N, C-alpha and C. Protein backbone atom coordinates (compact mmCIF):
# COMPACT_ATOMS: atom_id res chain seq x y z
N UNK A 1 23.43 0.82 -38.35
CA UNK A 1 22.07 1.30 -38.22
C UNK A 1 21.12 0.37 -38.96
N UNK A 2 21.53 -0.10 -40.13
CA UNK A 2 20.66 -0.97 -40.92
C UNK A 2 20.43 -2.30 -40.23
N UNK A 3 21.40 -2.77 -39.46
CA UNK A 3 21.26 -4.05 -38.78
C UNK A 3 20.16 -3.97 -37.71
N UNK A 4 19.97 -2.79 -37.10
CA UNK A 4 18.91 -2.64 -36.11
C UNK A 4 17.53 -2.75 -36.75
N UNK A 5 17.44 -2.24 -38.00
CA UNK A 5 16.16 -2.37 -38.70
C UNK A 5 15.85 -3.85 -38.95
N UNK A 6 16.90 -4.61 -39.33
CA UNK A 6 16.71 -6.04 -39.55
C UNK A 6 16.32 -6.74 -38.25
N UNK A 7 16.98 -6.37 -37.17
CA UNK A 7 16.68 -6.97 -35.87
C UNK A 7 15.26 -6.63 -35.44
N UNK A 8 14.83 -5.40 -35.67
CA UNK A 8 13.47 -4.99 -35.32
C UNK A 8 12.45 -5.78 -36.14
N UNK A 9 12.73 -6.00 -37.42
CA UNK A 9 11.82 -6.74 -38.28
C UNK A 9 11.72 -8.20 -37.81
N UNK A 10 12.86 -8.79 -37.46
CA UNK A 10 12.85 -10.18 -36.96
C UNK A 10 12.11 -10.28 -35.62
N UNK A 11 12.33 -9.33 -34.75
CA UNK A 11 11.67 -9.34 -33.45
C UNK A 11 10.16 -9.15 -33.60
N UNK A 12 9.75 -8.29 -34.51
CA UNK A 12 8.32 -8.11 -34.77
C UNK A 12 7.70 -9.38 -35.34
N UNK A 13 8.45 -10.07 -36.18
CA UNK A 13 7.96 -11.34 -36.73
C UNK A 13 7.79 -12.37 -35.61
N UNK A 14 8.77 -12.42 -34.68
CA UNK A 14 8.66 -13.34 -33.54
C UNK A 14 7.47 -12.97 -32.65
N UNK A 15 7.22 -11.69 -32.52
CA UNK A 15 6.09 -11.24 -31.70
C UNK A 15 4.75 -11.58 -32.37
N UNK A 16 4.72 -11.57 -33.70
CA UNK A 16 3.50 -11.98 -34.40
C UNK A 16 3.23 -13.47 -34.20
N UNK A 17 4.30 -14.26 -34.20
CA UNK A 17 4.15 -15.71 -34.01
C UNK A 17 3.71 -16.02 -32.59
N UNK A 18 4.36 -15.38 -31.60
CA UNK A 18 4.05 -15.62 -30.19
C UNK A 18 3.80 -14.27 -29.52
N UNK A 19 2.54 -13.79 -29.51
CA UNK A 19 2.24 -12.46 -28.97
C UNK A 19 2.52 -12.31 -27.47
N UNK A 20 2.59 -13.42 -26.73
CA UNK A 20 2.83 -13.34 -25.29
C UNK A 20 4.30 -13.46 -24.93
N UNK A 21 5.17 -13.48 -25.91
CA UNK A 21 6.60 -13.66 -25.65
C UNK A 21 7.21 -12.34 -25.17
N UNK A 22 7.60 -12.31 -23.89
CA UNK A 22 8.14 -11.09 -23.30
C UNK A 22 9.50 -10.75 -23.90
N UNK A 23 10.29 -11.74 -24.23
CA UNK A 23 11.62 -11.49 -24.80
C UNK A 23 11.48 -10.86 -26.18
N UNK A 24 10.53 -11.32 -26.98
CA UNK A 24 10.33 -10.74 -28.31
C UNK A 24 9.85 -9.30 -28.20
N UNK A 25 8.97 -9.03 -27.23
CA UNK A 25 8.49 -7.66 -27.04
C UNK A 25 9.64 -6.74 -26.62
N UNK A 26 10.49 -7.24 -25.75
CA UNK A 26 11.64 -6.44 -25.32
C UNK A 26 12.61 -6.24 -26.48
N UNK A 27 12.79 -7.27 -27.31
CA UNK A 27 13.69 -7.16 -28.46
C UNK A 27 13.20 -6.11 -29.45
N UNK A 28 11.89 -6.06 -29.66
CA UNK A 28 11.32 -5.04 -30.55
C UNK A 28 11.62 -3.65 -29.99
N UNK A 29 11.41 -3.50 -28.70
CA UNK A 29 11.65 -2.20 -28.08
C UNK A 29 13.12 -1.78 -28.20
N UNK A 30 14.03 -2.70 -27.89
CA UNK A 30 15.46 -2.38 -27.95
C UNK A 30 15.89 -2.08 -29.39
N UNK A 31 15.47 -2.91 -30.32
CA UNK A 31 15.90 -2.71 -31.70
C UNK A 31 15.36 -1.41 -32.28
N UNK A 32 14.11 -1.10 -32.02
CA UNK A 32 13.56 0.15 -32.57
C UNK A 32 14.17 1.37 -31.88
N UNK A 33 14.49 1.24 -30.61
CA UNK A 33 15.14 2.36 -29.92
C UNK A 33 16.54 2.60 -30.46
N UNK A 34 17.28 1.51 -30.64
CA UNK A 34 18.64 1.64 -31.17
C UNK A 34 18.63 2.14 -32.62
N UNK A 35 17.63 1.76 -33.37
CA UNK A 35 17.55 2.22 -34.76
C UNK A 35 17.15 3.68 -34.83
N UNK A 36 16.59 4.20 -33.73
CA UNK A 36 16.18 5.59 -33.71
C UNK A 36 14.86 5.84 -34.39
N UNK A 37 14.12 4.80 -34.66
CA UNK A 37 12.83 4.93 -35.33
C UNK A 37 11.76 4.41 -34.39
N UNK A 38 10.96 5.31 -33.83
CA UNK A 38 9.88 4.83 -32.97
C UNK A 38 8.82 4.12 -33.78
N UNK A 39 8.16 3.16 -33.16
CA UNK A 39 7.10 2.41 -33.83
C UNK A 39 5.78 3.13 -33.62
N UNK A 40 5.49 4.12 -34.43
CA UNK A 40 4.22 4.82 -34.33
C UNK A 40 3.43 4.57 -35.59
N UNK A 41 2.17 4.56 -35.56
CA UNK A 41 1.31 4.66 -34.39
C UNK A 41 1.22 3.30 -33.67
N UNK A 42 1.18 3.36 -32.37
CA UNK A 42 1.05 2.16 -31.56
C UNK A 42 -0.42 1.93 -31.30
N UNK A 43 -0.89 0.78 -31.64
CA UNK A 43 -2.29 0.44 -31.43
C UNK A 43 -2.52 0.10 -29.96
N UNK A 44 -3.71 0.38 -29.43
CA UNK A 44 -3.97 0.13 -28.00
C UNK A 44 -3.73 -1.32 -27.58
N UNK A 45 -4.13 -2.28 -28.41
CA UNK A 45 -3.92 -3.67 -28.02
C UNK A 45 -2.44 -4.04 -28.02
N UNK A 46 -1.65 -3.41 -28.91
CA UNK A 46 -0.21 -3.64 -28.90
C UNK A 46 0.42 -3.07 -27.64
N UNK A 47 -0.05 -1.91 -27.23
CA UNK A 47 0.48 -1.29 -26.03
C UNK A 47 0.16 -2.14 -24.79
N UNK A 48 -1.07 -2.63 -24.72
CA UNK A 48 -1.44 -3.48 -23.59
C UNK A 48 -0.63 -4.77 -23.58
N UNK A 49 -0.45 -5.35 -24.74
CA UNK A 49 0.34 -6.58 -24.83
C UNK A 49 1.79 -6.31 -24.41
N UNK A 50 2.32 -5.18 -24.84
CA UNK A 50 3.69 -4.82 -24.48
C UNK A 50 3.80 -4.59 -22.97
N UNK A 51 2.83 -3.89 -22.37
CA UNK A 51 2.86 -3.65 -20.93
C UNK A 51 2.77 -4.97 -20.15
N UNK A 52 1.93 -5.87 -20.61
CA UNK A 52 1.81 -7.17 -19.94
C UNK A 52 3.11 -7.95 -20.06
N UNK A 53 3.73 -7.90 -21.22
CA UNK A 53 4.99 -8.60 -21.42
C UNK A 53 6.09 -8.02 -20.53
N UNK A 54 6.12 -6.70 -20.41
CA UNK A 54 7.12 -6.06 -19.55
C UNK A 54 6.90 -6.44 -18.08
N UNK A 55 5.63 -6.48 -17.67
CA UNK A 55 5.32 -6.85 -16.29
C UNK A 55 5.71 -8.31 -16.02
N UNK A 56 5.48 -9.19 -16.98
CA UNK A 56 5.85 -10.59 -16.81
C UNK A 56 7.37 -10.76 -16.79
N UNK A 57 8.07 -9.97 -17.58
CA UNK A 57 9.53 -10.00 -17.55
C UNK A 57 10.04 -9.54 -16.19
N UNK A 58 9.42 -8.51 -15.66
CA UNK A 58 9.76 -8.03 -14.32
C UNK A 58 9.45 -9.10 -13.27
N UNK A 59 8.32 -9.79 -13.43
CA UNK A 59 7.98 -10.88 -12.52
C UNK A 59 9.07 -11.94 -12.52
N UNK A 60 9.49 -12.34 -13.72
CA UNK A 60 10.50 -13.39 -13.81
C UNK A 60 11.80 -12.98 -13.13
N UNK A 61 12.22 -11.74 -13.35
CA UNK A 61 13.46 -11.27 -12.74
C UNK A 61 13.36 -11.24 -11.21
N UNK A 62 12.26 -10.68 -10.71
CA UNK A 62 12.08 -10.60 -9.25
C UNK A 62 11.97 -11.99 -8.62
N UNK A 63 11.26 -12.88 -9.29
CA UNK A 63 11.06 -14.22 -8.73
C UNK A 63 12.38 -14.97 -8.67
N UNK A 64 13.19 -14.85 -9.71
CA UNK A 64 14.50 -15.52 -9.72
C UNK A 64 15.42 -14.99 -8.62
N UNK A 65 15.28 -13.69 -8.31
CA UNK A 65 16.13 -13.07 -7.29
C UNK A 65 15.59 -13.26 -5.88
N UNK A 66 14.42 -13.91 -5.76
CA UNK A 66 13.85 -14.17 -4.44
C UNK A 66 13.10 -12.99 -3.86
N UNK A 67 12.80 -12.00 -4.66
CA UNK A 67 12.02 -10.85 -4.20
C UNK A 67 10.56 -11.12 -4.54
N UNK A 68 9.90 -11.88 -3.67
CA UNK A 68 8.57 -12.40 -3.97
C UNK A 68 7.48 -11.34 -3.86
N UNK A 69 7.63 -10.37 -2.98
CA UNK A 69 6.63 -9.29 -2.90
C UNK A 69 6.63 -8.50 -4.20
N UNK A 70 7.82 -8.16 -4.71
CA UNK A 70 7.91 -7.43 -5.96
C UNK A 70 7.41 -8.27 -7.12
N UNK A 71 7.70 -9.58 -7.08
CA UNK A 71 7.23 -10.48 -8.14
C UNK A 71 5.70 -10.53 -8.14
N UNK A 72 5.12 -10.59 -6.95
CA UNK A 72 3.66 -10.61 -6.84
C UNK A 72 3.06 -9.32 -7.39
N UNK A 73 3.70 -8.19 -7.08
CA UNK A 73 3.21 -6.90 -7.58
C UNK A 73 3.30 -6.84 -9.10
N UNK A 74 4.38 -7.38 -9.67
CA UNK A 74 4.51 -7.39 -11.14
C UNK A 74 3.45 -8.30 -11.77
N UNK A 75 3.17 -9.43 -11.13
CA UNK A 75 2.13 -10.32 -11.65
C UNK A 75 0.76 -9.65 -11.59
N UNK A 76 0.51 -8.92 -10.52
CA UNK A 76 -0.76 -8.18 -10.42
C UNK A 76 -0.85 -7.11 -11.50
N UNK A 77 0.27 -6.47 -11.78
CA UNK A 77 0.28 -5.45 -12.83
C UNK A 77 -0.02 -6.09 -14.19
N UNK A 78 0.60 -7.23 -14.45
CA UNK A 78 0.33 -7.93 -15.71
C UNK A 78 -1.12 -8.37 -15.79
N UNK A 79 -1.66 -8.82 -14.68
CA UNK A 79 -3.04 -9.27 -14.65
C UNK A 79 -4.01 -8.11 -14.82
N UNK A 80 -3.64 -6.93 -14.32
CA UNK A 80 -4.52 -5.77 -14.49
C UNK A 80 -4.56 -5.30 -15.94
N UNK A 81 -3.45 -5.48 -16.65
CA UNK A 81 -3.40 -5.08 -18.05
C UNK A 81 -4.08 -6.13 -18.93
N UNK A 82 -3.85 -7.40 -18.60
CA UNK A 82 -4.42 -8.50 -19.40
C UNK A 82 -5.13 -9.46 -18.45
N UNK A 83 -6.40 -9.17 -18.09
CA UNK A 83 -7.09 -9.98 -17.09
C UNK A 83 -7.31 -11.44 -17.48
N UNK A 84 -7.32 -11.74 -18.76
CA UNK A 84 -7.56 -13.12 -19.18
C UNK A 84 -6.27 -13.86 -19.53
N UNK A 85 -5.14 -13.32 -19.12
CA UNK A 85 -3.84 -13.95 -19.39
C UNK A 85 -3.59 -15.04 -18.35
N UNK A 86 -3.56 -16.29 -18.80
CA UNK A 86 -3.38 -17.42 -17.88
C UNK A 86 -1.99 -17.41 -17.26
N UNK A 87 -0.99 -16.93 -18.01
CA UNK A 87 0.37 -16.90 -17.46
C UNK A 87 0.48 -15.90 -16.32
N UNK A 88 -0.18 -14.76 -16.44
CA UNK A 88 -0.15 -13.77 -15.37
C UNK A 88 -0.86 -14.30 -14.13
N UNK A 89 -1.95 -15.01 -14.33
CA UNK A 89 -2.66 -15.61 -13.20
C UNK A 89 -1.80 -16.68 -12.53
N UNK A 90 -1.13 -17.49 -13.32
CA UNK A 90 -0.25 -18.52 -12.76
C UNK A 90 0.92 -17.87 -12.01
N UNK A 91 1.44 -16.78 -12.54
CA UNK A 91 2.53 -16.07 -11.87
C UNK A 91 2.08 -15.52 -10.53
N UNK A 92 0.88 -14.97 -10.49
CA UNK A 92 0.34 -14.45 -9.23
C UNK A 92 0.17 -15.58 -8.22
N UNK A 93 -0.32 -16.71 -8.68
CA UNK A 93 -0.50 -17.85 -7.78
C UNK A 93 0.84 -18.37 -7.27
N UNK A 94 1.84 -18.40 -8.13
CA UNK A 94 3.17 -18.86 -7.71
C UNK A 94 3.75 -17.95 -6.63
N UNK A 95 3.71 -16.65 -6.88
CA UNK A 95 4.27 -15.70 -5.91
C UNK A 95 3.49 -15.75 -4.60
N UNK A 96 2.18 -15.85 -4.67
CA UNK A 96 1.37 -15.92 -3.45
C UNK A 96 1.65 -17.19 -2.67
N UNK A 97 1.85 -18.30 -3.38
CA UNK A 97 2.14 -19.57 -2.70
C UNK A 97 3.48 -19.51 -1.98
N UNK A 98 4.48 -18.93 -2.63
CA UNK A 98 5.79 -18.82 -1.98
C UNK A 98 5.71 -17.89 -0.77
N UNK A 99 4.98 -16.79 -0.91
CA UNK A 99 4.85 -15.86 0.21
C UNK A 99 4.11 -16.49 1.38
N UNK A 100 3.12 -17.33 1.09
CA UNK A 100 2.36 -17.94 2.19
C UNK A 100 3.20 -18.97 2.94
N UNK A 101 4.22 -19.53 2.30
CA UNK A 101 5.07 -20.51 2.96
C UNK A 101 6.19 -19.88 3.77
N UNK A 102 6.42 -18.60 3.57
CA UNK A 102 7.49 -17.93 4.31
C UNK A 102 7.08 -17.72 5.76
N UNK A 103 8.04 -17.85 6.67
CA UNK A 103 7.70 -17.66 8.09
C UNK A 103 7.37 -16.19 8.37
N UNK A 104 6.43 -16.01 9.27
CA UNK A 104 6.04 -14.67 9.68
C UNK A 104 6.55 -14.45 11.10
N UNK A 105 6.98 -13.25 11.41
CA UNK A 105 7.44 -13.01 12.78
C UNK A 105 6.29 -13.20 13.77
N UNK A 106 6.60 -13.85 14.90
CA UNK A 106 5.57 -14.14 15.89
C UNK A 106 5.05 -12.87 16.54
N UNK A 107 5.94 -11.97 16.87
CA UNK A 107 5.53 -10.75 17.56
C UNK A 107 6.32 -9.58 16.98
N UNK A 108 5.68 -8.46 16.77
CA UNK A 108 6.43 -7.31 16.22
C UNK A 108 7.50 -6.86 17.20
N UNK A 109 8.55 -6.30 16.65
CA UNK A 109 9.66 -5.84 17.49
C UNK A 109 9.23 -4.64 18.33
N UNK A 110 9.83 -4.53 19.49
CA UNK A 110 9.56 -3.42 20.39
C UNK A 110 10.20 -2.15 19.84
N UNK A 111 9.47 -1.08 19.86
CA UNK A 111 9.98 0.21 19.41
C UNK A 111 11.12 0.63 20.34
N UNK A 112 12.27 1.02 19.80
CA UNK A 112 13.39 1.37 20.67
C UNK A 112 13.18 2.68 21.42
N UNK A 113 12.24 3.50 21.00
CA UNK A 113 12.03 4.78 21.65
C UNK A 113 11.05 4.71 22.81
N UNK A 114 10.33 3.63 22.90
CA UNK A 114 9.36 3.47 23.96
C UNK A 114 9.82 2.31 24.82
N UNK A 115 9.76 2.49 26.12
CA UNK A 115 10.17 1.42 27.02
C UNK A 115 9.19 0.27 26.97
N UNK A 116 9.50 -0.78 27.70
CA UNK A 116 8.57 -1.92 27.72
C UNK A 116 7.23 -1.50 28.32
N UNK A 117 6.19 -2.13 27.86
CA UNK A 117 4.85 -1.80 28.32
C UNK A 117 4.69 -2.22 29.78
N UNK A 118 4.17 -1.30 30.56
CA UNK A 118 3.91 -1.59 31.98
C UNK A 118 2.42 -1.82 32.15
N UNK A 119 2.06 -2.70 33.06
CA UNK A 119 0.62 -2.89 33.29
C UNK A 119 0.02 -1.64 33.91
N UNK A 120 -1.24 -1.40 33.62
CA UNK A 120 -1.93 -0.24 34.18
C UNK A 120 -2.15 -0.44 35.68
N UNK A 121 -2.05 0.64 36.40
CA UNK A 121 -2.27 0.58 37.83
C UNK A 121 -3.77 0.50 38.10
N UNK A 122 -4.17 -0.23 39.13
CA UNK A 122 -5.61 -0.28 39.45
C UNK A 122 -6.10 1.10 39.87
N UNK A 123 -7.33 1.41 39.53
CA UNK A 123 -7.92 2.71 39.82
C UNK A 123 -9.10 2.52 40.77
N UNK A 124 -9.20 3.42 41.73
CA UNK A 124 -10.29 3.36 42.70
C UNK A 124 -11.59 3.73 41.99
N UNK A 125 -12.62 2.89 42.06
CA UNK A 125 -13.89 3.19 41.38
C UNK A 125 -14.54 4.47 41.87
N UNK A 126 -14.32 4.84 43.13
CA UNK A 126 -14.91 6.07 43.65
C UNK A 126 -14.29 7.29 42.96
N UNK A 127 -13.00 7.22 42.69
CA UNK A 127 -12.32 8.33 42.01
C UNK A 127 -12.84 8.43 40.57
N UNK A 128 -13.03 7.29 39.92
CA UNK A 128 -13.53 7.29 38.55
C UNK A 128 -14.92 7.90 38.49
N UNK A 129 -15.80 7.51 39.41
CA UNK A 129 -17.17 8.05 39.37
C UNK A 129 -17.17 9.54 39.69
N UNK A 130 -16.30 9.98 40.60
CA UNK A 130 -16.23 11.41 40.92
C UNK A 130 -15.75 12.21 39.71
N UNK A 131 -14.73 11.69 39.02
CA UNK A 131 -14.24 12.38 37.82
C UNK A 131 -15.29 12.40 36.72
N UNK A 132 -16.02 11.31 36.55
CA UNK A 132 -17.07 11.28 35.54
C UNK A 132 -18.15 12.31 35.86
N UNK A 133 -18.51 12.41 37.15
CA UNK A 133 -19.54 13.37 37.54
C UNK A 133 -19.08 14.79 37.26
N UNK A 134 -17.84 15.06 37.59
CA UNK A 134 -17.31 16.42 37.35
C UNK A 134 -17.31 16.72 35.85
N UNK A 135 -16.82 15.78 35.06
CA UNK A 135 -16.74 16.01 33.62
C UNK A 135 -18.12 16.12 32.98
N UNK A 136 -19.05 15.28 33.40
CA UNK A 136 -20.39 15.32 32.84
C UNK A 136 -21.10 16.61 33.24
N UNK A 137 -20.95 17.03 34.50
CA UNK A 137 -21.55 18.29 34.94
C UNK A 137 -20.99 19.46 34.15
N UNK A 138 -19.70 19.43 33.89
CA UNK A 138 -19.07 20.53 33.16
C UNK A 138 -19.57 20.55 31.71
N UNK A 139 -19.77 19.38 31.11
CA UNK A 139 -20.25 19.32 29.74
C UNK A 139 -21.69 19.82 29.63
N UNK A 140 -22.49 19.61 30.66
CA UNK A 140 -23.89 20.04 30.63
C UNK A 140 -24.02 21.54 30.85
N UNK A 141 -22.93 22.19 31.21
CA UNK A 141 -22.98 23.62 31.43
C UNK A 141 -23.06 23.98 32.89
N UNK A 142 -23.15 22.98 33.75
CA UNK A 142 -23.16 23.26 35.18
C UNK A 142 -21.77 23.70 35.58
N UNK A 143 -21.68 24.61 36.55
CA UNK A 143 -20.36 25.03 36.98
C UNK A 143 -19.68 23.89 37.75
N UNK A 144 -18.39 23.88 37.67
CA UNK A 144 -17.63 22.86 38.39
C UNK A 144 -17.12 23.47 39.68
N UNK A 145 -17.95 23.65 40.62
CA UNK A 145 -17.52 24.25 41.88
C UNK A 145 -18.72 24.48 42.77
N UNK A 146 -18.51 25.27 43.80
CA UNK A 146 -19.57 25.53 44.76
C UNK A 146 -20.53 26.59 44.29
N UNK A 147 -21.45 26.94 45.16
CA UNK A 147 -22.50 27.90 44.84
C UNK A 147 -21.92 29.30 44.64
N UNK A 148 -20.81 29.60 45.35
CA UNK A 148 -20.27 30.94 45.21
C UNK A 148 -19.75 31.20 43.82
N UNK A 149 -19.35 30.19 43.10
CA UNK A 149 -18.88 30.39 41.74
C UNK A 149 -20.05 30.51 40.77
N UNK A 150 -21.18 29.93 41.12
CA UNK A 150 -22.31 29.91 40.21
C UNK A 150 -23.09 31.20 40.26
N UNK A 151 -23.13 31.85 41.38
CA UNK A 151 -23.93 33.05 41.51
C UNK A 151 -23.06 34.27 41.31
N UNK A 152 -23.55 35.24 40.57
CA UNK A 152 -22.76 36.46 40.38
C UNK A 152 -22.69 37.23 41.69
N UNK A 153 -21.55 37.85 41.92
CA UNK A 153 -21.36 38.62 43.14
C UNK A 153 -21.64 40.09 42.85
N UNK A 154 -22.35 40.70 43.78
CA UNK A 154 -22.52 42.14 43.70
C UNK A 154 -21.31 42.76 44.40
N UNK A 155 -20.96 43.92 43.97
CA UNK A 155 -19.78 44.52 44.57
C UNK A 155 -20.00 44.81 46.05
N UNK A 156 -19.03 44.39 46.82
CA UNK A 156 -19.08 44.62 48.25
C UNK A 156 -19.91 43.60 49.00
N UNK A 157 -20.51 42.64 48.35
CA UNK A 157 -21.32 41.65 49.06
C UNK A 157 -20.50 40.43 49.36
N UNK A 158 -20.97 39.67 50.32
CA UNK A 158 -20.30 38.44 50.70
C UNK A 158 -20.77 37.30 49.81
N UNK A 159 -19.94 36.28 49.63
CA UNK A 159 -20.41 35.14 48.85
C UNK A 159 -21.52 34.41 49.60
N UNK A 160 -22.40 33.78 48.83
CA UNK A 160 -23.51 33.04 49.43
C UNK A 160 -22.95 31.82 50.17
N UNK A 161 -23.58 31.46 51.26
CA UNK A 161 -23.09 30.32 52.02
C UNK A 161 -23.28 29.02 51.24
N UNK A 162 -22.44 28.07 51.54
CA UNK A 162 -22.54 26.76 50.88
C UNK A 162 -23.70 25.98 51.42
N UNK A 163 -24.29 25.21 50.63
CA UNK A 163 -25.44 24.40 51.02
C UNK A 163 -25.05 23.03 51.41
């Protein structure tokens, strides 16, 4: 247990010397966790520095493994925590450059549940205008039919003749 305290003290000293060192920040976290002594109170700038270091460590791991989208996201996270961090900006530029060089699929794959697209059949313009007239008349409140539908019928009377 005492060795973890020594390790935590050494890691904190390394972090004081190089505040942007992600390995030192991780070492402080591991050593204090293993020692069972949390580092409280944590100052806001220490927390931001630690979050940026963790994000940069994540960037390095993802970038080495070829997961460039995840690396870019980690660089963005580091940049959001520390906007003036030149390393986070460089990491974002590196990931973006690699992603821009990757080939993009020319055409999206066809959905297996939908058949191939068929061209639309030509439509008779007279049919289109007739349908538009019917729909527009119906929207205006005009009845869609002859005069017999528009006029109320008295019981026992004949429908009015068509015009």
